Amino acid sequence: DYLLANIPAIASCTHHFVSCDLGCVKPEAAYFDAISERLGTRDILFFDDTPANVTAAKAAGWQAWHYTGQTCLADFGISP
């Protein structure tokens, strides 16, 4: 709820995953594997403000980008 209230762009995302709900945390491989399993794919677009998490997501086969602010989402058609 906090993320949805404070980062409006998240509301435009189809799925939201929170570490406490998954039982693992970024950048553990288990975090990315759990989400891939739930979605049935590794074709996932991922943004994070921590470079280590971006690196781990890429290692999991995801399309991962370093989040540097709302404007970086515009390249993907996500409005702030």
C-alpha atoms as a PDB file:
ATOM      1  CA  ASP A   1       0.000   0.000   0.000  1.00  0.00           C
ATOM      2  CA  TYR A   2       2.859   2.383   0.814  1.00  0.00           C
ATOM      3  CA  LEU A   3       4.408   1.937  -2.632  1.00  0.00           C
ATOM      4  CA  LEU A   4       1.109   2.451  -4.422  1.00  0.00           C
ATOM      5  CA  ALA A   5       0.472   5.624  -2.432  1.00  0.00           C
ATOM      6  CA  ASN A   6       3.938   7.091  -2.930  1.00  0.00           C
ATOM      7  CA  ILE A   7       4.943   5.947  -6.421  1.00  0.00           C
ATOM      8  CA  PRO A   8       1.962   6.526  -8.725  1.00  0.00           C
ATOM      9  CA  ALA A   9       3.559   4.718 -11.692  1.00  0.00           C
ATOM     10  CA  ILE A  10       3.308   1.431  -9.795  1.00  0.00           C
ATOM     11  CA  ALA A  11      -0.475   1.570 -10.138  1.00  0.00           C
ATOM     12  CA  SER A  12      -0.065   1.079 -13.896  1.00  0.00           C
ATOM     13  CA  CYS A  13       1.788  -2.218 -13.369  1.00  0.00           C
ATOM     14  CA  THR A  14      -0.186  -5.429 -13.737  1.00  0.00           C
ATOM     15  CA  HIS A  15       1.588  -7.271 -10.900  1.00  0.00           C
ATOM     16  CA  HIS A  16       3.220  -6.176  -7.655  1.00  0.00           C
ATOM     17  CA  PHE A  17       5.448  -8.385  -5.511  1.00  0.00           C
ATOM     18  CA  VAL A  18       6.656  -7.596  -2.008  1.00  0.00           C
ATOM     19  CA  SER A  19       9.538  -9.410  -0.320  1.00  0.00           C
ATOM     20  CA  CYS A  20       7.610 -10.136   2.875  1.00  0.00           C
ATOM     21  CA  ASP A  21       4.918 -11.906   0.828  1.00  0.00           C
ATOM     22  CA  LEU A  22       7.485 -14.008  -1.046  1.00  0.00           C
ATOM     23  CA  GLY A  23       9.592 -15.031   1.954  1.00  0.00           C
ATOM     24  CA  CYS A  24      12.832 -13.901   0.319  1.00  0.00           C
ATOM     25  CA  VAL A  25      14.515 -10.626  -0.509  1.00  0.00           C
ATOM     26  CA  LYS A  26      16.375  -8.973  -3.355  1.00  0.00           C
ATOM     27  CA  PRO A  27      19.034  -9.595  -4.556  1.00  0.00           C
ATOM     28  CA  GLU A  28      18.651 -13.302  -3.639  1.00  0.00           C
ATOM     29  CA  ALA A  29      18.114 -15.498  -6.683  1.00  0.00           C
ATOM     30  CA  ALA A  30      15.161 -17.072  -4.842  1.00  0.00           C
ATOM     31  CA  TYR A  31      13.314 -13.742  -5.014  1.00  0.00           C
ATOM     32  CA  PHE A  32      13.497 -13.579  -8.804  1.00  0.00           C
ATOM     33  CA  ASP A  33      12.828 -17.304  -9.186  1.00  0.00           C
ATOM     34  CA  ALA A  34       9.683 -17.078  -7.022  1.00  0.00           C
ATOM     35  CA  ILE A  35       8.263 -14.280  -9.141  1.00  0.00           C
ATOM     36  CA  SER A  36       9.169 -15.997 -12.410  1.00  0.00           C
ATOM     37  CA  GLU A  37       7.445 -19.142 -11.169  1.00  0.00           C
ATOM     38  CA  ARG A  38       4.291 -17.269 -10.142  1.00  0.00           C
ATOM     39  CA  LEU A  39       4.106 -15.503 -13.498  1.00  0.00           C
ATOM     40  CA  GLY A  40       5.161 -18.513 -15.549  1.00  0.00           C
ATOM     41  CA  THR A  41       7.808 -16.534 -17.433  1.00  0.00           C
ATOM     42  CA  ARG A  42      11.190 -14.860 -17.203  1.00  0.00           C
ATOM     43  CA  ASP A  43      10.151 -12.255 -19.777  1.00  0.00           C
ATOM     44  CA  ILE A  44       9.766  -9.589 -17.100  1.00  0.00           C
ATOM     45  CA  LEU A  45      10.441  -5.853 -17.157  1.00  0.00           C
ATOM     46  CA  PHE A  46      11.987  -4.827 -13.823  1.00  0.00           C
ATOM     47  CA  PHE A  47      13.028  -1.455 -12.387  1.00  0.00           C
ATOM     48  CA  ASP A  48      14.986  -0.968  -9.177  1.00  0.00           C
ATOM     49  CA  ASP A  49      16.950   1.851  -7.620  1.00  0.00           C
ATOM     50  CA  THR A  50      19.698  -0.477  -6.331  1.00  0.00           C
ATOM     51  CA  PRO A  51      22.274  -1.568  -8.923  1.00  0.00           C
ATOM     52  CA  ALA A  52      22.870  -4.933  -7.184  1.00  0.00           C
ATOM     53  CA  ASN A  53      19.183  -5.787  -7.588  1.00  0.00           C
ATOM     54  CA  VAL A  54      19.286  -4.845 -11.266  1.00  0.00           C
ATOM     55  CA  THR A  55      22.326  -7.086 -11.761  1.00  0.00           C
ATOM     56  CA  ALA A  56      20.600  -9.995  -9.991  1.00  0.00           C
ATOM     57  CA  ALA A  57      17.443  -9.542 -12.067  1.00  0.00           C
ATOM     58  CA  LYS A  58      19.478  -9.624 -15.273  1.00  0.00           C
ATOM     59  CA  ALA A  59      21.184 -12.812 -14.050  1.00  0.00           C
ATOM     60  CA  ALA A  60      17.689 -14.295 -13.615  1.00  0.00           C
ATOM     61  CA  GLY A  61      16.954 -13.572 -17.275  1.00  0.00           C
ATOM     62  CA  TRP A  62      14.831 -10.478 -16.739  1.00  0.00           C
ATOM     63  CA  GLN A  63      14.930  -7.178 -18.622  1.00  0.00           C
ATOM     64  CA  ALA A  64      16.181  -4.992 -15.787  1.00  0.00           C
ATOM     65  CA  TRP A  65      16.804  -1.256 -15.577  1.00  0.00           C
ATOM     66  CA  HIS A  66      18.228   1.027 -12.930  1.00  0.00           C
ATOM     67  CA  TYR A  67      15.417   3.281 -11.681  1.00  0.00           C
ATOM     68  CA  THR A  68      16.629   6.873 -11.461  1.00  0.00           C
ATOM     69  CA  GLY A  69      13.277   8.635 -11.181  1.00  0.00           C
ATOM     70  CA  GLN A  70       9.879   8.809 -12.817  1.00  0.00           C
ATOM     71  CA  THR A  71      11.285  10.114 -16.095  1.00  0.00           C
ATOM     72  CA  CYS A  72      13.236   6.894 -16.769  1.00  0.00           C
ATOM     73  CA  LEU A  73       9.901   5.067 -17.052  1.00  0.00           C
ATOM     74  CA  ALA A  74       8.768   7.188 -20.001  1.00  0.00           C
ATOM     75  CA  ASP A  75      10.948   5.161 -22.395  1.00  0.00           C
ATOM     76  CA  PHE A  76       8.639   2.231 -21.655  1.00  0.00           C
ATOM     77  CA  GLY A  77       5.383   4.148 -21.998  1.00  0.00           C
ATOM     78  CA  ILE A  78       4.856   4.396 -18.247  1.00  0.00           C
ATOM     79  CA  SER A  79       3.595   7.823 -17.213  1.00  0.00           C
ATOM     80  CA  PRO A  80       4.515   9.287 -13.825  1.00  0.00           C
END
